[in-house]
Amino acid sequence: VQLQASGGGLVQAGSSLRLSCAASGRTNYAITWFRQAPGKQREFVAGITWNWGTTVYAVSVKGRFTISREKAKRMVYLQMNSLKTEDTAVYYCAARSGDIATKTNEYSYWGQGTLVTVSS
């Protein structure tokens, strides 16, 4: 499976942004968003299973971010609302067969990152 993330940009705190992840090839996977802030480890943000649409969120984004998928277009989205400066990071989408996992080493497929910068 090939993944391509897009949609990052510079926004002010409190605003919204939607990231997109285009998936090609087989899509019977769990697709997840991770992020990596400068000087920090890559961390789990949200994941969704392709077939059932089951979702899992990190505590830090629950209630603010929504992950969804559009099967016909083979797209996964991350709607980010009420953005905070601490959401600033490079966001990556990743895929694995099976259920959603929260550790980076459990993912075999990665897209390139898209930078989200939230200013105060």
N, C-alpha and C. Protein backbone atom coordinates (compact mmCIF):
# COMPACT_ATOMS: atom_id res chain seq x y z
N VAL A 1 0.85 -1.18 0.00
CA VAL A 1 0.00 0.00 0.00
C VAL A 1 0.89 1.24 0.00
N GLN A 2 0.48 2.22 -0.75
CA GLN A 2 1.20 3.50 -0.80
C GLN A 2 0.33 4.58 -0.19
N LEU A 3 0.94 5.46 0.56
CA LEU A 3 0.22 6.50 1.27
C LEU A 3 0.82 7.86 0.93
N GLN A 4 -0.05 8.85 0.82
CA GLN A 4 0.41 10.20 0.57
C GLN A 4 -0.41 11.17 1.41
N ALA A 5 0.28 11.83 2.31
CA ALA A 5 -0.37 12.78 3.22
C ALA A 5 -0.30 14.19 2.65
N SER A 6 -1.33 14.97 2.93
CA SER A 6 -1.35 16.36 2.48
C SER A 6 -2.28 17.16 3.39
N GLY A 7 -2.23 18.48 3.22
CA GLY A 7 -3.17 19.34 3.92
C GLY A 7 -2.59 20.17 5.04
N GLY A 8 -1.31 19.99 5.33
CA GLY A 8 -0.71 20.76 6.40
C GLY A 8 -0.60 22.23 6.06
N GLY A 9 -0.30 23.03 7.06
CA GLY A 9 -0.14 24.46 6.83
C GLY A 9 0.07 25.20 8.12
N LEU A 10 0.06 26.52 8.01
CA LEU A 10 0.24 27.41 9.16
C LEU A 10 -1.12 27.98 9.53
N VAL A 11 -1.54 27.75 10.77
CA VAL A 11 -2.83 28.24 11.23
C VAL A 11 -2.67 28.85 12.61
N GLN A 12 -3.68 29.61 13.02
CA GLN A 12 -3.65 30.18 14.36
C GLN A 12 -4.31 29.24 15.35
N ALA A 13 -3.92 29.38 16.59
CA ALA A 13 -4.52 28.58 17.65
C ALA A 13 -6.03 28.81 17.67
N GLY A 14 -6.76 27.73 17.87
CA GLY A 14 -8.22 27.81 17.89
C GLY A 14 -8.87 27.52 16.55
N SER A 15 -8.09 27.49 15.52
CA SER A 15 -8.65 27.27 14.19
C SER A 15 -8.68 25.79 13.85
N SER A 16 -9.10 25.49 12.63
CA SER A 16 -9.25 24.11 12.18
C SER A 16 -8.42 23.85 10.93
N LEU A 17 -8.14 22.58 10.72
CA LEU A 17 -7.40 22.15 9.54
C LEU A 17 -7.77 20.70 9.26
N ARG A 18 -7.81 20.32 7.99
CA ARG A 18 -8.10 18.94 7.66
C ARG A 18 -6.93 18.35 6.87
N LEU A 19 -6.41 17.26 7.38
CA LEU A 19 -5.36 16.53 6.69
C LEU A 19 -5.98 15.39 5.88
N SER A 20 -5.34 15.06 4.78
CA SER A 20 -5.80 13.97 3.94
C SER A 20 -4.69 12.96 3.75
N CYS A 21 -5.08 11.70 3.64
CA CYS A 21 -4.13 10.63 3.36
C CYS A 21 -4.73 9.80 2.23
N ALA A 22 -4.06 9.84 1.08
CA ALA A 22 -4.51 9.07 -0.08
C ALA A 22 -3.84 7.71 -0.03
N ALA A 23 -4.65 6.66 -0.11
CA ALA A 23 -4.14 5.30 -0.04
C ALA A 23 -4.34 4.60 -1.37
N SER A 24 -3.31 3.99 -1.88
CA SER A 24 -3.42 3.20 -3.11
C SER A 24 -2.97 1.78 -2.82
N GLY A 25 -3.33 0.87 -3.70
CA GLY A 25 -3.06 -0.53 -3.45
C GLY A 25 -4.13 -1.11 -2.55
N ARG A 26 -3.77 -2.18 -1.88
CA ARG A 26 -4.74 -2.79 -0.97
C ARG A 26 -5.08 -1.82 0.15
N THR A 27 -6.32 -1.77 0.55
CA THR A 27 -6.72 -0.87 1.61
C THR A 27 -7.38 -1.58 2.77
N ASN A 28 -7.23 -2.88 2.85
CA ASN A 28 -7.80 -3.62 3.97
C ASN A 28 -6.86 -3.53 5.16
N TYR A 29 -6.66 -2.32 5.63
CA TYR A 29 -5.69 -2.05 6.68
C TYR A 29 -6.29 -1.15 7.76
N ALA A 30 -5.58 -1.05 8.83
CA ALA A 30 -5.82 0.03 9.77
C ALA A 30 -4.93 1.18 9.33
N ILE A 31 -5.50 2.35 9.20
CA ILE A 31 -4.73 3.52 8.80
C ILE A 31 -4.74 4.52 9.93
N THR A 32 -3.57 5.00 10.26
CA THR A 32 -3.36 5.78 11.48
C THR A 32 -2.57 7.03 11.19
N TRP A 33 -2.88 8.06 11.94
CA TRP A 33 -2.09 9.29 11.92
C TRP A 33 -1.17 9.31 13.13
N PHE A 34 0.08 9.60 12.87
CA PHE A 34 1.07 9.87 13.91
C PHE A 34 1.56 11.31 13.70
N ARG A 35 2.22 11.82 14.71
CA ARG A 35 2.84 13.14 14.57
C ARG A 35 4.16 13.17 15.31
N GLN A 36 5.03 14.05 14.84
CA GLN A 36 6.33 14.20 15.48
C GLN A 36 6.67 15.67 15.58
N ALA A 37 6.74 16.13 16.81
CA ALA A 37 7.11 17.51 17.07
C ALA A 37 8.64 17.62 17.13
N PRO A 38 9.18 18.80 16.93
CA PRO A 38 10.64 18.95 16.96
C PRO A 38 11.22 18.47 18.27
N GLY A 39 12.23 17.61 18.17
CA GLY A 39 12.90 17.12 19.36
C GLY A 39 12.15 16.07 20.14
N LYS A 40 11.02 15.61 19.60
CA LYS A 40 10.22 14.62 20.33
C LYS A 40 10.06 13.35 19.49
N GLN A 41 9.64 12.31 20.16
CA GLN A 41 9.39 11.06 19.45
C GLN A 41 8.07 11.12 18.70
N ARG A 42 7.98 10.31 17.67
CA ARG A 42 6.74 10.22 16.93
C ARG A 42 5.67 9.59 17.82
N GLU A 43 4.47 10.17 17.81
CA GLU A 43 3.43 9.68 18.69
C GLU A 43 2.13 9.42 17.94
N PHE A 44 1.36 8.50 18.47
CA PHE A 44 0.07 8.12 17.93
C PHE A 44 -0.92 9.27 18.10
N VAL A 45 -1.73 9.50 17.07
CA VAL A 45 -2.76 10.53 17.14
C VAL A 45 -4.15 9.91 17.05
N ALA A 46 -4.41 9.20 15.95
CA ALA A 46 -5.72 8.60 15.75
C ALA A 46 -5.61 7.53 14.67
N GLY A 47 -6.46 6.50 14.77
CA GLY A 47 -6.45 5.44 13.79
C GLY A 47 -7.85 5.00 13.44
N ILE A 48 -7.99 4.38 12.27
CA ILE A 48 -9.30 3.90 11.82
C ILE A 48 -9.10 2.61 11.04
N THR A 49 -10.01 1.67 11.23
CA THR A 49 -9.96 0.45 10.44
C THR A 49 -10.73 0.66 9.14
N TRP A 50 -10.17 0.15 8.07
CA TRP A 50 -10.76 0.43 6.77
C TRP A 50 -12.14 -0.18 6.61
N ASN A 51 -12.27 -1.43 7.01
CA ASN A 51 -13.53 -2.13 6.75
C ASN A 51 -14.66 -1.66 7.66
N TRP A 52 -14.40 -1.59 8.96
CA TRP A 52 -15.48 -1.31 9.90
C TRP A 52 -15.55 0.15 10.35
N GLY A 53 -14.50 0.88 10.11
CA GLY A 53 -14.51 2.28 10.54
C GLY A 53 -14.34 2.46 12.03
N THR A 54 -13.82 1.46 12.70
CA THR A 54 -13.53 1.59 14.12
C THR A 54 -12.43 2.63 14.32
N THR A 55 -12.62 3.48 15.32
CA THR A 55 -11.64 4.55 15.55
C THR A 55 -11.05 4.49 16.95
N VAL A 56 -9.81 4.97 17.05
CA VAL A 56 -9.12 5.09 18.32
C VAL A 56 -8.40 6.44 18.31
N TYR A 57 -8.44 7.13 19.44
CA TYR A 57 -7.81 8.45 19.54
C TYR A 57 -6.86 8.51 20.72
N ALA A 58 -5.83 9.31 20.56
CA ALA A 58 -4.98 9.65 21.69
C ALA A 58 -5.77 10.57 22.62
N VAL A 59 -5.49 10.48 23.89
CA VAL A 59 -6.18 11.29 24.88
C VAL A 59 -6.02 12.78 24.58
N SER A 60 -4.86 13.15 24.10
CA SER A 60 -4.56 14.56 23.89
C SER A 60 -5.38 15.21 22.77
N VAL A 61 -5.97 14.39 21.90
CA VAL A 61 -6.73 14.95 20.78
C VAL A 61 -8.20 14.57 20.81
N LYS A 62 -8.58 13.69 21.70
CA LYS A 62 -9.95 13.22 21.74
C LYS A 62 -10.90 14.38 22.01
N GLY A 63 -11.95 14.45 21.20
CA GLY A 63 -12.90 15.55 21.32
C GLY A 63 -12.56 16.73 20.44
N ARG A 64 -11.34 16.79 19.93
CA ARG A 64 -10.93 17.89 19.05
C ARG A 64 -10.67 17.39 17.62
N PHE A 65 -10.13 16.20 17.51
CA PHE A 65 -9.79 15.64 16.20
C PHE A 65 -10.78 14.53 15.85
N THR A 66 -11.05 14.39 14.56
CA THR A 66 -11.91 13.32 14.08
C THR A 66 -11.25 12.66 12.87
N ILE A 67 -11.10 11.36 12.94
CA ILE A 67 -10.56 10.60 11.82
C ILE A 67 -11.73 9.94 11.08
N SER A 68 -11.65 9.93 9.77
CA SER A 68 -12.70 9.32 8.97
C SER A 68 -12.10 8.77 7.69
N ARG A 69 -12.87 7.92 7.00
CA ARG A 69 -12.38 7.42 5.73
C ARG A 69 -13.49 7.49 4.70
N GLU A 70 -13.09 7.65 3.45
CA GLU A 70 -14.02 7.69 2.33
C GLU A 70 -13.58 6.58 1.39
N LYS A 71 -14.29 5.47 1.47
CA LYS A 71 -13.86 4.27 0.78
C LYS A 71 -13.75 4.46 -0.73
N ALA A 72 -14.75 5.09 -1.31
CA ALA A 72 -14.78 5.22 -2.76
C ALA A 72 -13.55 5.97 -3.29
N LYS A 73 -13.09 6.93 -2.50
CA LYS A 73 -11.93 7.72 -2.92
C LYS A 73 -10.64 7.21 -2.33
N ARG A 74 -10.73 6.19 -1.49
CA ARG A 74 -9.54 5.65 -0.82
C ARG A 74 -8.80 6.75 -0.07
N MET A 75 -9.55 7.50 0.67
CA MET A 75 -8.99 8.61 1.43
C MET A 75 -9.28 8.44 2.91
N VAL A 76 -8.33 8.86 3.71
CA VAL A 76 -8.51 8.96 5.15
C VAL A 76 -8.25 10.41 5.53
N TYR A 77 -9.11 10.95 6.36
CA TYR A 77 -9.02 12.35 6.75
C TYR A 77 -8.78 12.48 8.25
N LEU A 78 -8.14 13.55 8.61
CA LEU A 78 -8.01 13.92 10.02
C LEU A 78 -8.48 15.36 10.14
N GLN A 79 -9.69 15.52 10.65
CA GLN A 79 -10.24 16.85 10.89
C GLN A 79 -9.75 17.32 12.26
N MET A 80 -9.04 18.42 12.27
CA MET A 80 -8.45 18.93 13.51
C MET A 80 -9.09 20.26 13.84
N ASN A 81 -9.79 20.30 14.95
CA ASN A 81 -10.46 21.51 15.42
C ASN A 81 -9.81 22.00 16.71
N SER A 82 -10.09 23.23 17.03
CA SER A 82 -9.56 23.83 18.27
C SER A 82 -8.07 23.57 18.42
N LEU A 83 -7.34 23.84 17.38
CA LEU A 83 -5.91 23.55 17.38
C LEU A 83 -5.18 24.35 18.44
N LYS A 84 -4.17 23.71 19.00
CA LYS A 84 -3.34 24.32 20.02
C LYS A 84 -1.90 24.40 19.51
N THR A 85 -1.11 25.25 20.12
CA THR A 85 0.28 25.35 19.69
C THR A 85 1.01 24.02 19.86
N GLU A 86 0.61 23.26 20.86
CA GLU A 86 1.26 21.96 21.07
C GLU A 86 0.89 20.92 20.03
N ASP A 87 -0.03 21.24 19.14
CA ASP A 87 -0.34 20.34 18.03
C ASP A 87 0.65 20.52 16.87
N THR A 88 1.53 21.49 16.97
CA THR A 88 2.52 21.72 15.94
C THR A 88 3.42 20.50 15.80
N ALA A 89 3.49 19.96 14.59
CA ALA A 89 4.27 18.75 14.34
C ALA A 89 4.21 18.41 12.85
N VAL A 90 5.04 17.48 12.47
CA VAL A 90 4.89 16.84 11.17
C VAL A 90 3.96 15.65 11.37
N TYR A 91 2.92 15.59 10.57
CA TYR A 91 1.92 14.54 10.68
C TYR A 91 2.14 13.51 9.57
N TYR A 92 2.11 12.24 9.98
CA TYR A 92 2.32 11.14 9.06
C TYR A 92 1.11 10.22 9.08
N CYS A 93 0.75 9.66 7.93
CA CYS A 93 -0.21 8.57 7.94
C CYS A 93 0.55 7.26 7.72
N ALA A 94 0.05 6.22 8.33
CA ALA A 94 0.70 4.92 8.29
C ALA A 94 -0.36 3.84 8.19
N ALA A 95 0.03 2.66 7.71
CA ALA A 95 -0.92 1.57 7.55
C ALA A 95 -0.31 0.26 8.03
N ARG A 96 -1.18 -0.59 8.54
CA ARG A 96 -0.78 -1.93 8.94
C ARG A 96 -1.96 -2.86 8.73
N SER A 97 -1.68 -4.12 8.52
CA SER A 97 -2.77 -5.09 8.43
C SER A 97 -3.22 -5.41 9.84
N GLY A 98 -4.49 -5.66 9.99
CA GLY A 98 -5.00 -5.97 11.30
C GLY A 98 -5.58 -4.75 12.00
N ASP A 99 -5.57 -4.80 13.31
CA ASP A 99 -6.20 -3.76 14.12
C ASP A 99 -5.31 -2.52 14.24
N ILE A 100 -5.90 -1.47 14.74
CA ILE A 100 -5.16 -0.25 15.02
C ILE A 100 -4.14 -0.52 16.13
N ALA A 101 -2.95 -0.04 15.93
CA ALA A 101 -1.90 -0.12 16.94
C ALA A 101 -1.39 1.28 17.21
N THR A 102 -0.79 1.47 18.36
CA THR A 102 -0.36 2.82 18.74
C THR A 102 1.15 3.01 18.70
N LYS A 103 1.88 1.96 18.37
CA LYS A 103 3.34 2.06 18.35
C LYS A 103 3.84 2.12 16.91
N THR A 104 4.81 2.98 16.67
CA THR A 104 5.30 3.17 15.31
C THR A 104 5.90 1.90 14.73
N ASN A 105 6.53 1.08 15.54
CA ASN A 105 7.19 -0.12 15.00
C ASN A 105 6.22 -1.20 14.59
N GLU A 106 4.94 -0.97 14.78
CA GLU A 106 3.94 -1.94 14.35
C GLU A 106 3.37 -1.59 12.97
N TYR A 107 3.90 -0.56 12.36
CA TYR A 107 3.41 -0.12 11.06
C TYR A 107 4.48 -0.34 9.99
N SER A 108 4.04 -0.94 8.89
CA SER A 108 4.96 -1.27 7.81
C SER A 108 4.99 -0.22 6.71
N TYR A 109 3.91 0.52 6.61
CA TYR A 109 3.77 1.45 5.49
C TYR A 109 3.59 2.87 6.01
N TRP A 110 4.35 3.77 5.42
CA TRP A 110 4.32 5.16 5.85
C TRP A 110 4.25 6.09 4.65
N GLY A 111 3.50 7.16 4.82
CA GLY A 111 3.53 8.22 3.85
C GLY A 111 4.55 9.27 4.26
N GLN A 112 4.77 10.23 3.37
CA GLN A 112 5.65 11.33 3.74
C GLN A 112 4.87 12.24 4.70
N GLY A 113 5.53 13.02 5.45
CA GLY A 113 4.86 13.86 6.43
C GLY A 113 4.31 15.14 5.83
N THR A 114 3.39 15.74 6.56
CA THR A 114 2.88 17.05 6.19
C THR A 114 2.95 17.91 7.45
N LEU A 115 3.51 19.10 7.32
CA LEU A 115 3.80 19.94 8.47
C LEU A 115 2.58 20.78 8.85
N VAL A 116 2.24 20.71 10.13
CA VAL A 116 1.20 21.55 10.70
C VAL A 116 1.87 22.46 11.72
N THR A 117 1.71 23.75 11.54
CA THR A 117 2.25 24.73 12.46
C THR A 117 1.10 25.56 13.01
N VAL A 118 0.98 25.57 14.33
CA VAL A 118 -0.09 26.32 14.98
C VAL A 118 0.55 27.47 15.75
N SER A 119 0.21 28.67 15.37
CA SER A 119 0.79 29.85 16.01
C SER A 119 -0.15 30.38 17.08
N SER A 120 0.44 31.03 18.05
CA SER A 120 -0.36 31.57 19.17
C SER A 120 -0.92 32.94 18.86
